[in-house]
């Protein structure tokens, strides 16, 4: 029995281990590449939606300045969340936007973005 195992079985052990290690490394690289593709695509689409949101609000602010107001009090925060949701094909659940794959599992999720005015100037009282 020992002679059969040494002559026939042990010769395939090393190539099998090497193949298994190579496949594991390749799997990790492909997983990383897939994750980076999803992240970069989501980032680019989110930036596009944010640019659209900023453009829309800058037009509203400009219109209010033309009408004699010096500041627009508020803007529609839900517009940005709904645009992000529709552009990225995300589903909404309370405070989270998430993407569901074909198999029904969540691919990724993100919290609803918080958009507010940022005041650059402080006024002395």
N, C-alpha and C. Protein backbone atom coordinates (compact mmCIF):
# COMPACT_ATOMS: atom_id res chain seq x y z
N UNK A 1 0.83 -1.19 0.00
CA UNK A 1 0.00 0.00 0.00
C UNK A 1 0.88 1.25 0.00
N UNK A 2 1.93 1.23 0.80
CA UNK A 2 2.82 2.37 0.89
C UNK A 2 3.52 2.61 -0.45
N UNK A 3 3.89 1.55 -1.10
CA UNK A 3 4.59 1.66 -2.36
C UNK A 3 3.67 2.24 -3.46
N UNK A 4 2.40 1.88 -3.48
CA UNK A 4 1.46 2.40 -4.46
C UNK A 4 1.20 3.88 -4.23
N UNK A 5 1.04 4.30 -2.95
CA UNK A 5 0.78 5.69 -2.63
C UNK A 5 1.97 6.57 -2.99
N UNK A 6 3.16 6.12 -2.71
CA UNK A 6 4.35 6.90 -3.02
C UNK A 6 4.55 7.04 -4.53
N UNK A 7 4.30 5.97 -5.26
CA UNK A 7 4.55 6.01 -6.69
C UNK A 7 3.45 6.76 -7.46
N UNK A 8 2.24 6.69 -7.03
CA UNK A 8 1.16 7.27 -7.82
C UNK A 8 0.49 8.47 -7.14
N UNK A 9 0.26 8.43 -5.88
CA UNK A 9 -0.54 9.47 -5.21
C UNK A 9 0.25 10.71 -4.86
N UNK A 10 1.46 10.60 -4.39
CA UNK A 10 2.22 11.74 -3.92
C UNK A 10 2.65 12.65 -5.07
N UNK A 11 2.74 12.11 -6.26
CA UNK A 11 3.15 12.92 -7.40
C UNK A 11 2.12 13.97 -7.78
N UNK A 12 0.87 13.76 -7.45
CA UNK A 12 -0.19 14.71 -7.77
C UNK A 12 -0.47 15.69 -6.65
N UNK A 13 0.07 15.49 -5.48
CA UNK A 13 -0.20 16.35 -4.33
C UNK A 13 0.35 17.76 -4.53
N UNK A 14 1.59 17.89 -4.91
CA UNK A 14 2.22 19.21 -5.08
C UNK A 14 1.55 20.02 -6.20
N UNK A 15 1.30 19.46 -7.38
CA UNK A 15 0.60 20.26 -8.39
C UNK A 15 -0.81 20.67 -7.96
N UNK A 16 -1.48 19.81 -7.21
CA UNK A 16 -2.83 20.15 -6.74
C UNK A 16 -2.78 21.32 -5.75
N UNK A 17 -1.81 21.32 -4.85
CA UNK A 17 -1.67 22.41 -3.89
C UNK A 17 -1.30 23.70 -4.61
N UNK A 18 -0.41 23.64 -5.55
CA UNK A 18 0.00 24.83 -6.30
C UNK A 18 -1.20 25.39 -7.09
N UNK A 19 -1.96 24.50 -7.73
CA UNK A 19 -3.14 24.93 -8.47
C UNK A 19 -4.17 25.57 -7.54
N UNK A 20 -4.36 24.98 -6.38
CA UNK A 20 -5.31 25.52 -5.41
C UNK A 20 -4.87 26.91 -4.93
N UNK A 21 -3.60 27.10 -4.65
CA UNK A 21 -3.09 28.40 -4.21
C UNK A 21 -3.25 29.44 -5.32
N UNK A 22 -2.94 29.09 -6.55
CA UNK A 22 -3.08 30.01 -7.68
C UNK A 22 -4.55 30.41 -7.86
N UNK A 23 -5.45 29.45 -7.75
CA UNK A 23 -6.88 29.73 -7.90
C UNK A 23 -7.36 30.64 -6.77
N UNK A 24 -6.88 30.43 -5.55
CA UNK A 24 -7.27 31.28 -4.43
C UNK A 24 -6.78 32.71 -4.63
N UNK A 25 -5.55 32.87 -5.10
CA UNK A 25 -5.01 34.21 -5.36
C UNK A 25 -5.79 34.88 -6.48
N UNK A 26 -6.07 34.15 -7.55
CA UNK A 26 -6.84 34.70 -8.66
C UNK A 26 -8.25 35.09 -8.22
N UNK A 27 -8.86 34.30 -7.36
CA UNK A 27 -10.18 34.62 -6.83
C UNK A 27 -10.15 35.91 -6.03
N UNK A 28 -9.13 36.09 -5.20
CA UNK A 28 -9.01 37.31 -4.41
C UNK A 28 -8.80 38.53 -5.31
N UNK A 29 -7.99 38.38 -6.35
CA UNK A 29 -7.75 39.50 -7.27
C UNK A 29 -9.02 39.85 -8.02
N UNK A 30 -9.77 38.87 -8.49
CA UNK A 30 -11.02 39.14 -9.19
C UNK A 30 -12.07 39.76 -8.28
N UNK A 31 -12.14 39.33 -7.02
CA UNK A 31 -13.06 39.93 -6.06
C UNK A 31 -12.71 41.39 -5.84
N UNK A 32 -11.43 41.68 -5.67
CA UNK A 32 -10.97 43.06 -5.47
C UNK A 32 -11.30 43.91 -6.70
N UNK A 33 -11.05 43.39 -7.89
CA UNK A 33 -11.33 44.13 -9.12
C UNK A 33 -12.83 44.41 -9.26
N UNK A 34 -13.65 43.44 -8.93
CA UNK A 34 -15.10 43.62 -9.00
C UNK A 34 -15.55 44.68 -8.00
N UNK A 35 -15.03 44.63 -6.78
CA UNK A 35 -15.39 45.62 -5.77
C UNK A 35 -14.95 47.02 -6.19
N UNK A 36 -13.77 47.15 -6.75
CA UNK A 36 -13.28 48.45 -7.19
C UNK A 36 -14.11 48.99 -8.35
N UNK A 37 -14.55 48.13 -9.24
CA UNK A 37 -15.40 48.56 -10.35
C UNK A 37 -16.73 49.10 -9.84
N UNK A 38 -17.34 48.40 -8.90
CA UNK A 38 -18.60 48.86 -8.31
C UNK A 38 -18.40 50.19 -7.61
N UNK A 39 -17.33 50.32 -6.85
CA UNK A 39 -17.07 51.57 -6.12
C UNK A 39 -16.83 52.73 -7.07
N UNK A 40 -16.02 52.53 -8.10
CA UNK A 40 -15.73 53.62 -9.04
C UNK A 40 -16.96 54.02 -9.84
N UNK A 41 -17.76 53.06 -10.25
CA UNK A 41 -18.99 53.38 -10.98
C UNK A 41 -19.97 54.14 -10.10
N UNK A 42 -20.13 53.69 -8.86
CA UNK A 42 -21.02 54.38 -7.93
C UNK A 42 -20.52 55.78 -7.64
N UNK A 43 -19.22 55.94 -7.48
CA UNK A 43 -18.65 57.26 -7.21
C UNK A 43 -18.90 58.20 -8.39
N UNK A 44 -18.66 57.74 -9.60
CA UNK A 44 -18.86 58.58 -10.78
C UNK A 44 -20.32 58.98 -10.94
N UNK A 45 -21.24 58.03 -10.74
CA UNK A 45 -22.66 58.34 -10.86
C UNK A 45 -23.13 59.28 -9.75
N UNK A 46 -22.61 59.09 -8.54
CA UNK A 46 -22.97 59.96 -7.43
C UNK A 46 -22.46 61.38 -7.68
N UNK A 47 -21.25 61.52 -8.21
CA UNK A 47 -20.72 62.84 -8.53
C UNK A 47 -21.58 63.52 -9.61
N UNK A 48 -22.03 62.76 -10.58
CA UNK A 48 -22.88 63.32 -11.63
C UNK A 48 -24.20 63.81 -11.05
N UNK A 49 -24.79 63.04 -10.16
CA UNK A 49 -26.05 63.45 -9.52
C UNK A 49 -25.82 64.67 -8.65
N UNK A 50 -24.71 64.70 -7.93
CA UNK A 50 -24.39 65.85 -7.08
C UNK A 50 -24.18 67.11 -7.92
N UNK A 51 -23.50 66.98 -9.05
CA UNK A 51 -23.31 68.13 -9.94
C UNK A 51 -24.66 68.65 -10.44
N UNK A 52 -25.55 67.74 -10.78
CA UNK A 52 -26.89 68.13 -11.23
C UNK A 52 -27.64 68.85 -10.12
N UNK A 53 -27.52 68.33 -8.91
CA UNK A 53 -28.19 68.93 -7.75
C UNK A 53 -27.64 70.33 -7.47
N UNK A 54 -26.33 70.48 -7.53
CA UNK A 54 -25.71 71.78 -7.30
C UNK A 54 -26.13 72.76 -8.39
N UNK A 55 -26.17 72.31 -9.62
CA UNK A 55 -26.57 73.18 -10.73
C UNK A 55 -28.01 73.66 -10.55
N UNK A 56 -28.90 72.73 -10.19
CA UNK A 56 -30.30 73.11 -10.00
C UNK A 56 -30.42 74.14 -8.89
N UNK A 57 -29.73 73.93 -7.77
CA UNK A 57 -29.84 74.85 -6.65
C UNK A 57 -29.13 76.16 -6.92
N UNK A 58 -28.07 76.14 -7.70
CA UNK A 58 -27.41 77.41 -8.03
C UNK A 58 -28.33 78.26 -8.90
N UNK A 59 -29.10 77.64 -9.78
CA UNK A 59 -30.07 78.37 -10.59
C UNK A 59 -31.15 78.97 -9.68
N UNK A 60 -31.62 78.19 -8.70
CA UNK A 60 -32.63 78.70 -7.76
C UNK A 60 -32.08 79.87 -6.95
N UNK A 61 -30.85 79.77 -6.50
CA UNK A 61 -30.23 80.86 -5.73
C UNK A 61 -30.07 82.10 -6.60
N UNK A 62 -29.62 81.91 -7.83
CA UNK A 62 -29.45 83.04 -8.73
C UNK A 62 -30.80 83.73 -9.00
N UNK A 63 -31.85 82.93 -9.18
CA UNK A 63 -33.18 83.50 -9.40
C UNK A 63 -33.64 84.29 -8.18
N UNK A 64 -33.35 83.79 -6.99
CA UNK A 64 -33.77 84.53 -5.79
C UNK A 64 -32.98 85.82 -5.64
N UNK A 65 -31.71 85.83 -6.05
CA UNK A 65 -30.92 87.06 -6.01
C UNK A 65 -31.47 88.07 -7.01
N UNK A 66 -31.86 87.59 -8.19
CA UNK A 66 -32.44 88.48 -9.19
C UNK A 66 -33.75 89.10 -8.71
N UNK A 67 -34.47 88.40 -7.86
CA UNK A 67 -35.74 88.91 -7.35
C UNK A 67 -35.56 89.76 -6.10
N UNK A 68 -34.32 89.98 -5.67
CA UNK A 68 -34.06 90.86 -4.54
C UNK A 68 -33.78 90.18 -3.23
N UNK A 69 -33.85 88.88 -3.19
CA UNK A 69 -33.51 88.16 -1.96
C UNK A 69 -32.01 87.89 -1.98
N UNK A 70 -31.41 87.90 -0.79
CA UNK A 70 -29.97 87.67 -0.77
C UNK A 70 -29.60 86.23 -0.45
N UNK A 71 -30.58 85.41 -0.12
CA UNK A 71 -30.26 84.04 0.25
C UNK A 71 -31.50 83.17 0.13
N UNK A 72 -31.33 82.01 -0.38
CA UNK A 72 -32.42 81.04 -0.42
C UNK A 72 -32.38 80.26 0.89
N UNK A 73 -33.47 80.29 1.60
CA UNK A 73 -33.50 79.72 2.95
C UNK A 73 -33.21 78.22 2.99
N UNK A 74 -33.82 77.49 2.10
CA UNK A 74 -33.66 76.04 2.13
C UNK A 74 -33.77 75.49 0.72
N UNK A 75 -33.41 74.25 0.56
CA UNK A 75 -33.58 73.57 -0.71
C UNK A 75 -34.12 72.19 -0.45
N UNK A 76 -34.55 71.55 -1.50
CA UNK A 76 -35.22 70.26 -1.39
C UNK A 76 -34.18 69.15 -1.23
N UNK A 77 -34.00 68.69 0.01
CA UNK A 77 -33.04 67.62 0.27
C UNK A 77 -33.50 66.28 -0.31
N UNK A 78 -34.81 66.11 -0.35
CA UNK A 78 -35.35 64.84 -0.88
C UNK A 78 -35.09 64.71 -2.38
N UNK A 79 -34.93 65.84 -3.07
CA UNK A 79 -34.63 65.79 -4.49
C UNK A 79 -33.31 65.06 -4.73
N UNK A 80 -32.29 65.38 -3.94
CA UNK A 80 -30.99 64.74 -4.11
C UNK A 80 -31.08 63.24 -3.82
N UNK A 81 -31.76 62.88 -2.75
CA UNK A 81 -31.88 61.46 -2.40
C UNK A 81 -32.66 60.71 -3.47
N UNK A 82 -33.74 61.32 -3.98
CA UNK A 82 -34.53 60.63 -5.01
C UNK A 82 -33.76 60.54 -6.33
N UNK A 83 -32.99 61.58 -6.68
CA UNK A 83 -32.17 61.53 -7.89
C UNK A 83 -31.08 60.47 -7.76
N UNK A 84 -30.44 60.41 -6.61
CA UNK A 84 -29.40 59.39 -6.38
C UNK A 84 -30.01 58.00 -6.47
N UNK A 85 -31.17 57.83 -5.86
CA UNK A 85 -31.83 56.53 -5.87
C UNK A 85 -32.20 56.11 -7.29
N UNK A 86 -32.76 57.03 -8.07
CA UNK A 86 -33.18 56.65 -9.43
C UNK A 86 -31.98 56.50 -10.37
N UNK A 87 -30.97 57.34 -10.23
CA UNK A 87 -29.81 57.27 -11.12
C UNK A 87 -29.00 56.00 -10.90
N UNK A 88 -28.84 55.61 -9.64
CA UNK A 88 -28.04 54.42 -9.32
C UNK A 88 -28.89 53.17 -9.21
N UNK A 89 -30.19 53.27 -9.47
CA UNK A 89 -31.13 52.15 -9.35
C UNK A 89 -31.05 51.53 -7.96
N UNK A 90 -31.15 52.38 -6.95
CA UNK A 90 -31.08 51.93 -5.56
C UNK A 90 -32.48 51.93 -4.96
N UNK A 91 -32.70 51.05 -4.00
CA UNK A 91 -33.95 51.03 -3.25
C UNK A 91 -33.74 51.79 -1.95
N UNK A 92 -34.83 52.39 -1.45
CA UNK A 92 -34.76 53.17 -0.21
C UNK A 92 -35.42 52.41 0.91
N UNK A 93 -34.80 52.49 2.08
CA UNK A 93 -35.39 51.94 3.28
C UNK A 93 -34.96 52.82 4.44
N UNK A 94 -35.88 53.57 4.98
CA UNK A 94 -35.65 54.55 6.04
C UNK A 94 -34.47 55.46 5.70
N UNK A 95 -33.29 55.25 6.27
CA UNK A 95 -32.15 56.13 6.07
C UNK A 95 -31.05 55.47 5.24
N UNK A 96 -31.40 54.43 4.49
CA UNK A 96 -30.37 53.67 3.76
C UNK A 96 -30.80 53.49 2.30
N UNK A 97 -29.85 53.67 1.40
CA UNK A 97 -30.02 53.33 0.00
C UNK A 97 -29.23 52.04 -0.23
N UNK A 98 -29.82 51.07 -0.92
CA UNK A 98 -29.14 49.80 -1.11
C UNK A 98 -29.41 49.25 -2.50
N UNK A 99 -28.47 48.43 -2.97
CA UNK A 99 -28.59 47.79 -4.27
C UNK A 99 -28.75 46.29 -4.07
N UNK A 100 -29.72 45.73 -4.77
CA UNK A 100 -29.98 44.29 -4.66
C UNK A 100 -29.63 43.63 -5.98
N UNK A 101 -28.90 42.54 -5.92
CA UNK A 101 -28.49 41.81 -7.11
C UNK A 101 -29.61 40.91 -7.63
N UNK A 102 -29.31 40.20 -8.71
CA UNK A 102 -30.29 39.32 -9.32
C UNK A 102 -30.67 38.16 -8.42
N UNK A 103 -29.75 37.76 -7.54
CA UNK A 103 -30.03 36.65 -6.64
C UNK A 103 -30.79 37.07 -5.39
N UNK A 104 -31.10 38.36 -5.25
CA UNK A 104 -31.86 38.85 -4.11
C UNK A 104 -31.02 39.29 -2.94
N UNK A 105 -29.71 39.19 -3.05
CA UNK A 105 -28.81 39.59 -1.98
C UNK A 105 -28.41 41.05 -2.16
N UNK A 106 -28.13 41.73 -1.06
CA UNK A 106 -27.69 43.11 -1.11
C UNK A 106 -26.25 43.17 -1.60
N UNK A 107 -26.01 43.93 -2.67
CA UNK A 107 -24.66 44.08 -3.20
C UNK A 107 -23.89 45.09 -2.36
N UNK A 108 -24.50 46.27 -2.14
CA UNK A 108 -23.90 47.27 -1.27
C UNK A 108 -25.00 48.20 -0.77
N UNK A 109 -24.70 48.93 0.27
CA UNK A 109 -25.65 49.90 0.81
C UNK A 109 -24.90 51.14 1.24
N UNK A 110 -25.63 52.25 1.30
CA UNK A 110 -25.06 53.50 1.78
C UNK A 110 -26.14 54.29 2.48
N UNK A 111 -25.73 55.11 3.43
CA UNK A 111 -26.70 55.93 4.13
C UNK A 111 -27.13 57.08 3.22
N UNK A 112 -28.30 57.63 3.50
CA UNK A 112 -28.76 58.76 2.72
C UNK A 112 -27.79 59.93 2.89
N UNK A 113 -27.40 60.54 1.80
CA UNK A 113 -26.47 61.65 1.91
C UNK A 113 -27.14 62.84 2.60
N UNK A 114 -26.35 63.55 3.40
CA UNK A 114 -26.84 64.73 4.09
C UNK A 114 -26.32 65.96 3.35
N UNK A 115 -27.20 66.74 2.78
CA UNK A 115 -26.79 67.93 2.05
C UNK A 115 -27.33 69.16 2.76
N UNK A 116 -26.44 70.11 3.02
CA UNK A 116 -26.81 71.36 3.68
C UNK A 116 -25.98 72.49 3.09
N UNK A 117 -26.38 73.70 3.41
CA UNK A 117 -25.56 74.84 3.04
C UNK A 117 -24.36 74.91 3.96
N UNK A 118 -23.27 75.36 3.43
CA UNK A 118 -22.08 75.57 4.24
C UNK A 118 -21.75 77.05 4.15
N UNK A 119 -21.81 77.72 5.26
CA UNK A 119 -21.57 79.15 5.29
C UNK A 119 -20.06 79.39 5.39
N UNK A 120 -19.54 80.15 4.45
CA UNK A 120 -18.11 80.45 4.47
C UNK A 120 -17.78 81.67 5.29
N UNK A 121 -18.73 82.52 5.50
CA UNK A 121 -18.49 83.77 6.18
C UNK A 121 -19.22 83.80 7.51
N UNK A 122 -18.57 84.32 8.51
CA UNK A 122 -19.22 84.52 9.79
C UNK A 122 -19.42 86.02 9.97
N UNK A 123 -20.62 86.37 10.36
CA UNK A 123 -20.95 87.78 10.52
C UNK A 123 -20.76 88.20 11.96
N UNK A 124 -20.13 89.35 12.16
CA UNK A 124 -19.94 89.88 13.51
C UNK A 124 -21.25 90.45 13.99
N UNK A 125 -21.56 90.20 15.26
CA UNK A 125 -22.83 90.71 15.78
C UNK A 125 -22.64 91.96 16.61
